[in-house]
């Protein structure tokens, strides 16, 4: 077995372990959002229920709460746009560095 194949197999095993170990070790854990934790803290400090100051703009537009699937979709689109901008900037910096090295040589 060549060194490259061995490296690929080891990396695949490590990637599988990274995906599986947290899944098994966090069995039964409860995950809450930061909004929930913040409102609980406000209730503890003030002794009264937290009343939001405003509602999200999109909820006012559609006339109700945004379904979880749509909320996830919007979050993924926002993430994709951010990653695209970062990748574009990194590509520009890489090309600039490459072109400056070529002009020196």
N, C-alpha and C. Protein backbone atom coordinates (compact mmCIF):
# COMPACT_ATOMS: atom_id res chain seq x y z
N UNK A 1 0.85 -1.18 0.00
CA UNK A 1 0.00 0.00 0.00
C UNK A 1 0.90 1.24 0.00
N UNK A 2 0.59 2.16 -0.88
CA UNK A 2 1.43 3.36 -0.99
C UNK A 2 1.16 4.31 0.17
N UNK A 3 2.07 5.23 0.35
CA UNK A 3 1.97 6.21 1.43
C UNK A 3 0.75 7.10 1.26
N UNK A 4 0.42 7.47 0.01
CA UNK A 4 -0.74 8.32 -0.25
C UNK A 4 -2.05 7.62 0.11
N UNK A 5 -2.17 6.34 -0.26
CA UNK A 5 -3.39 5.60 0.07
C UNK A 5 -3.54 5.45 1.57
N UNK A 6 -2.45 5.19 2.26
CA UNK A 6 -2.48 5.05 3.71
C UNK A 6 -2.91 6.36 4.36
N UNK A 7 -2.40 7.47 3.86
CA UNK A 7 -2.77 8.78 4.40
C UNK A 7 -4.25 9.05 4.20
N UNK A 8 -4.76 8.73 3.02
CA UNK A 8 -6.18 8.95 2.73
C UNK A 8 -7.05 8.10 3.64
N UNK A 9 -6.67 6.85 3.84
CA UNK A 9 -7.46 5.97 4.70
C UNK A 9 -7.45 6.47 6.14
N UNK A 10 -6.30 6.90 6.63
CA UNK A 10 -6.20 7.43 8.00
C UNK A 10 -7.06 8.69 8.13
N UNK A 11 -7.01 9.57 7.15
CA UNK A 11 -7.82 10.79 7.20
C UNK A 11 -9.32 10.49 7.15
N UNK A 12 -9.72 9.49 6.37
CA UNK A 12 -11.13 9.09 6.34
C UNK A 12 -11.58 8.53 7.68
N UNK A 13 -10.72 7.75 8.32
CA UNK A 13 -11.06 7.20 9.64
C UNK A 13 -11.18 8.33 10.66
N UNK A 14 -10.24 9.27 10.62
CA UNK A 14 -10.30 10.41 11.55
C UNK A 14 -11.57 11.22 11.31
N UNK A 15 -11.92 11.46 10.06
CA UNK A 15 -13.14 12.21 9.75
C UNK A 15 -14.38 11.48 10.26
N UNK A 16 -14.42 10.17 10.10
CA UNK A 16 -15.54 9.38 10.60
C UNK A 16 -15.62 9.45 12.12
N UNK A 17 -14.48 9.38 12.79
CA UNK A 17 -14.46 9.48 14.25
C UNK A 17 -14.92 10.85 14.73
N UNK A 18 -14.49 11.90 14.02
CA UNK A 18 -14.92 13.25 14.38
C UNK A 18 -16.44 13.39 14.26
N UNK A 19 -17.03 12.70 13.29
CA UNK A 19 -18.48 12.77 13.10
C UNK A 19 -19.24 11.90 14.09
N UNK A 20 -18.69 10.76 14.48
CA UNK A 20 -19.42 9.80 15.28
C UNK A 20 -19.26 10.02 16.79
N UNK A 21 -18.07 10.38 17.25
CA UNK A 21 -17.81 10.49 18.69
C UNK A 21 -18.71 11.53 19.36
N UNK A 22 -18.84 12.75 18.84
CA UNK A 22 -19.76 13.69 19.50
C UNK A 22 -21.21 13.20 19.48
N UNK A 23 -21.59 12.53 18.41
CA UNK A 23 -22.95 12.03 18.29
C UNK A 23 -23.25 11.02 19.39
N UNK A 24 -22.28 10.17 19.71
CA UNK A 24 -22.48 9.17 20.74
C UNK A 24 -22.30 9.73 22.15
N UNK A 25 -21.37 10.64 22.32
CA UNK A 25 -21.08 11.15 23.66
C UNK A 25 -22.12 12.16 24.15
N UNK A 26 -22.86 12.80 23.27
CA UNK A 26 -23.86 13.79 23.66
C UNK A 26 -25.27 13.24 23.65
N UNK A 27 -25.39 11.95 23.79
CA UNK A 27 -26.70 11.30 23.77
C UNK A 27 -27.54 11.81 24.95
N UNK A 28 -28.74 12.27 24.68
CA UNK A 28 -29.63 12.75 25.72
C UNK A 28 -29.40 14.20 26.14
N UNK A 29 -28.46 14.88 25.49
CA UNK A 29 -28.19 16.27 25.86
C UNK A 29 -29.28 17.17 25.28
N UNK A 30 -29.57 18.24 26.01
CA UNK A 30 -30.56 19.20 25.53
C UNK A 30 -29.84 20.44 25.03
N UNK A 31 -30.24 20.90 23.87
CA UNK A 31 -29.64 22.08 23.28
C UNK A 31 -30.70 23.16 23.18
N UNK A 32 -30.39 24.32 23.70
CA UNK A 32 -31.31 25.44 23.63
C UNK A 32 -30.62 26.61 22.96
N UNK A 33 -31.40 27.48 22.40
CA UNK A 33 -30.83 28.64 21.74
C UNK A 33 -30.43 29.71 22.73
N UNK A 34 -29.65 30.65 22.26
CA UNK A 34 -29.21 31.75 23.12
C UNK A 34 -30.38 32.66 23.47
N UNK A 35 -31.38 32.75 22.60
CA UNK A 35 -32.56 33.56 22.91
C UNK A 35 -33.30 33.00 24.13
N UNK A 36 -33.43 31.68 24.17
CA UNK A 36 -34.10 31.06 25.31
C UNK A 36 -33.32 31.29 26.59
N UNK A 37 -32.01 31.11 26.53
CA UNK A 37 -31.17 31.30 27.72
C UNK A 37 -31.22 32.75 28.19
N UNK A 38 -31.21 33.69 27.26
CA UNK A 38 -31.27 35.10 27.62
C UNK A 38 -32.58 35.47 28.27
N UNK A 39 -33.68 34.98 27.74
CA UNK A 39 -34.98 35.31 28.33
C UNK A 39 -35.13 34.68 29.71
N UNK A 40 -34.57 33.50 29.92
CA UNK A 40 -34.62 32.88 31.24
C UNK A 40 -33.82 33.72 32.24
N UNK A 41 -32.65 34.21 31.82
CA UNK A 41 -31.84 35.05 32.71
C UNK A 41 -32.55 36.36 33.05
N UNK A 42 -33.20 36.97 32.08
CA UNK A 42 -33.94 38.21 32.33
C UNK A 42 -35.06 37.95 33.34
N UNK A 43 -35.75 36.83 33.18
CA UNK A 43 -36.82 36.49 34.12
C UNK A 43 -36.27 36.29 35.52
N UNK A 44 -35.07 35.67 35.63
CA UNK A 44 -34.47 35.46 36.95
C UNK A 44 -34.06 36.79 37.59
N UNK A 45 -33.52 37.70 36.80
CA UNK A 45 -33.03 38.97 37.33
C UNK A 45 -34.18 39.90 37.68
N UNK A 46 -35.13 40.05 36.76
CA UNK A 46 -36.22 41.02 36.96
C UNK A 46 -37.41 40.44 37.71
N UNK A 47 -37.55 39.14 37.69
CA UNK A 47 -38.69 38.52 38.36
C UNK A 47 -39.97 38.58 37.56
N UNK A 48 -39.92 39.07 36.33
CA UNK A 48 -41.10 39.14 35.47
C UNK A 48 -40.77 38.50 34.13
N UNK A 49 -41.80 38.11 33.41
CA UNK A 49 -41.60 37.49 32.11
C UNK A 49 -41.00 38.49 31.13
N UNK A 50 -40.14 38.00 30.27
CA UNK A 50 -39.50 38.86 29.27
C UNK A 50 -40.49 39.18 28.17
N UNK A 51 -40.60 40.43 27.84
CA UNK A 51 -41.47 40.90 26.76
C UNK A 51 -40.59 41.46 25.65
N UNK A 52 -40.58 40.82 24.46
CA UNK A 52 -39.74 41.31 23.37
C UNK A 52 -40.14 42.73 22.96
N UNK A 53 -39.17 43.52 22.54
CA UNK A 53 -39.41 44.90 22.15
C UNK A 53 -40.05 45.01 20.77
N UNK A 54 -39.73 44.08 19.89
CA UNK A 54 -40.26 44.12 18.53
C UNK A 54 -40.33 42.71 17.98
N UNK A 55 -41.03 42.57 16.87
CA UNK A 55 -41.10 41.27 16.19
C UNK A 55 -40.25 41.33 14.93
N UNK A 56 -39.77 40.18 14.47
CA UNK A 56 -38.97 40.17 13.25
C UNK A 56 -39.76 40.72 12.06
N UNK A 57 -39.08 41.41 11.18
CA UNK A 57 -39.72 42.06 10.03
C UNK A 57 -40.42 41.04 9.15
N UNK A 58 -39.77 39.92 8.90
CA UNK A 58 -40.36 38.91 8.02
C UNK A 58 -41.64 38.33 8.62
N UNK A 59 -41.69 38.20 9.95
CA UNK A 59 -42.91 37.70 10.59
C UNK A 59 -44.06 38.68 10.41
N UNK A 60 -43.78 39.98 10.46
CA UNK A 60 -44.82 40.97 10.21
C UNK A 60 -45.30 40.90 8.77
N UNK A 61 -44.36 40.64 7.86
CA UNK A 61 -44.68 40.62 6.43
C UNK A 61 -45.59 39.44 6.08
N UNK A 62 -45.30 38.25 6.63
CA UNK A 62 -46.10 37.07 6.27
C UNK A 62 -47.28 36.88 7.20
N UNK A 63 -47.33 37.63 8.30
CA UNK A 63 -48.48 37.57 9.18
C UNK A 63 -48.47 36.43 10.17
N UNK A 64 -47.33 35.92 10.51
CA UNK A 64 -47.24 34.84 11.49
C UNK A 64 -45.80 34.42 11.69
N UNK A 65 -45.63 33.37 12.46
CA UNK A 65 -44.28 32.89 12.74
C UNK A 65 -43.71 32.16 11.53
N UNK A 66 -42.41 32.32 11.33
CA UNK A 66 -41.73 31.69 10.21
C UNK A 66 -41.55 30.20 10.51
N UNK A 67 -41.94 29.32 9.59
CA UNK A 67 -41.72 27.88 9.82
C UNK A 67 -40.23 27.57 9.98
N UNK A 68 -39.94 26.54 10.74
CA UNK A 68 -38.55 26.17 11.01
C UNK A 68 -37.75 25.85 9.76
N UNK A 69 -38.40 25.23 8.77
CA UNK A 69 -37.70 24.88 7.53
C UNK A 69 -37.27 26.14 6.77
N UNK A 70 -38.14 27.12 6.72
CA UNK A 70 -37.82 28.37 6.03
C UNK A 70 -36.73 29.12 6.78
N UNK A 71 -36.83 29.10 8.11
CA UNK A 71 -35.81 29.75 8.93
C UNK A 71 -34.43 29.11 8.69
N UNK A 72 -34.40 27.78 8.62
CA UNK A 72 -33.15 27.08 8.34
C UNK A 72 -32.64 27.41 6.94
N UNK A 73 -33.56 27.48 5.97
CA UNK A 73 -33.17 27.82 4.60
C UNK A 73 -32.55 29.21 4.55
N UNK A 74 -33.17 30.18 5.20
CA UNK A 74 -32.63 31.54 5.19
C UNK A 74 -31.26 31.59 5.87
N UNK A 75 -31.10 30.83 6.95
CA UNK A 75 -29.81 30.78 7.63
C UNK A 75 -28.75 30.18 6.71
N UNK A 76 -29.10 29.11 5.99
CA UNK A 76 -28.15 28.48 5.07
C UNK A 76 -27.79 29.41 3.92
N UNK A 77 -28.77 30.13 3.40
CA UNK A 77 -28.49 31.08 2.32
C UNK A 77 -27.56 32.18 2.82
N UNK A 78 -27.82 32.68 4.01
CA UNK A 78 -26.95 33.71 4.60
C UNK A 78 -25.54 33.16 4.78
N UNK A 79 -25.42 31.93 5.25
CA UNK A 79 -24.11 31.31 5.42
C UNK A 79 -23.41 31.15 4.07
N UNK A 80 -24.15 30.72 3.06
CA UNK A 80 -23.56 30.56 1.73
C UNK A 80 -23.05 31.86 1.16
N UNK A 81 -23.80 32.92 1.35
CA UNK A 81 -23.36 34.23 0.87
C UNK A 81 -22.09 34.66 1.58
N UNK A 82 -22.04 34.46 2.90
CA UNK A 82 -20.85 34.82 3.66
C UNK A 82 -19.63 34.01 3.24
N UNK A 83 -19.81 32.72 3.05
CA UNK A 83 -18.70 31.87 2.61
C UNK A 83 -18.25 32.27 1.21
N UNK A 84 -19.19 32.61 0.34
CA UNK A 84 -18.83 33.06 -1.00
C UNK A 84 -17.98 34.32 -0.98
N UNK A 85 -18.36 35.26 -0.13
CA UNK A 85 -17.59 36.51 -0.03
C UNK A 85 -16.19 36.23 0.50
N UNK A 86 -16.10 35.40 1.56
CA UNK A 86 -14.78 35.08 2.12
C UNK A 86 -13.93 34.33 1.10
N UNK A 87 -14.50 33.37 0.39
CA UNK A 87 -13.75 32.62 -0.61
C UNK A 87 -13.28 33.53 -1.75
N UNK A 88 -14.14 34.45 -2.17
CA UNK A 88 -13.75 35.40 -3.22
C UNK A 88 -12.57 36.25 -2.78
N UNK A 89 -12.65 36.77 -1.54
CA UNK A 89 -11.55 37.60 -1.03
C UNK A 89 -10.26 36.81 -0.90
N UNK A 90 -10.36 35.58 -0.41
CA UNK A 90 -9.16 34.76 -0.28
C UNK A 90 -8.57 34.43 -1.65
N UNK A 91 -9.42 34.18 -2.63
CA UNK A 91 -8.94 33.93 -3.98
C UNK A 91 -8.23 35.13 -4.58
N UNK A 92 -8.81 36.31 -4.34
CA UNK A 92 -8.16 37.54 -4.83
C UNK A 92 -6.80 37.73 -4.19
N UNK A 93 -6.71 37.50 -2.89
CA UNK A 93 -5.43 37.64 -2.20
C UNK A 93 -4.41 36.62 -2.70
N UNK A 94 -4.86 35.40 -2.95
CA UNK A 94 -3.97 34.36 -3.46
C UNK A 94 -3.45 34.74 -4.86
N UNK A 95 -4.34 35.18 -5.71
CA UNK A 95 -3.93 35.57 -7.06
C UNK A 95 -3.00 36.78 -7.04
N UNK A 96 -3.28 37.73 -6.16
CA UNK A 96 -2.42 38.91 -6.05
C UNK A 96 -1.00 38.49 -5.64
N UNK A 97 -0.93 37.57 -4.68
CA UNK A 97 0.38 37.09 -4.22
C UNK A 97 1.08 36.33 -5.34
N UNK A 98 0.34 35.52 -6.08
CA UNK A 98 0.91 34.74 -7.18
C UNK A 98 1.42 35.67 -8.29
N UNK A 99 0.64 36.69 -8.61
CA UNK A 99 1.06 37.62 -9.67
C UNK A 99 2.26 38.46 -9.23
N UNK A 100 2.33 38.83 -7.96
CA UNK A 100 3.48 39.61 -7.51
C UNK A 100 4.75 38.75 -7.51
N UNK A 101 4.63 37.46 -7.24
CA UNK A 101 5.80 36.58 -7.32
C UNK A 101 6.26 36.42 -8.76
N UNK A 102 5.31 36.33 -9.70
CA UNK A 102 5.66 36.19 -11.11
C UNK A 102 6.33 37.44 -11.65
N UNK A 103 5.93 38.60 -11.19
CA UNK A 103 6.51 39.84 -11.68
C UNK A 103 7.91 40.04 -11.13
N UNK A 104 8.20 39.48 -9.96
CA UNK A 104 9.53 39.60 -9.36
C UNK A 104 10.52 38.70 -10.11
N UNK A 105 10.07 37.54 -10.49
CA UNK A 105 10.96 36.55 -11.12
C UNK A 105 11.22 36.88 -12.55
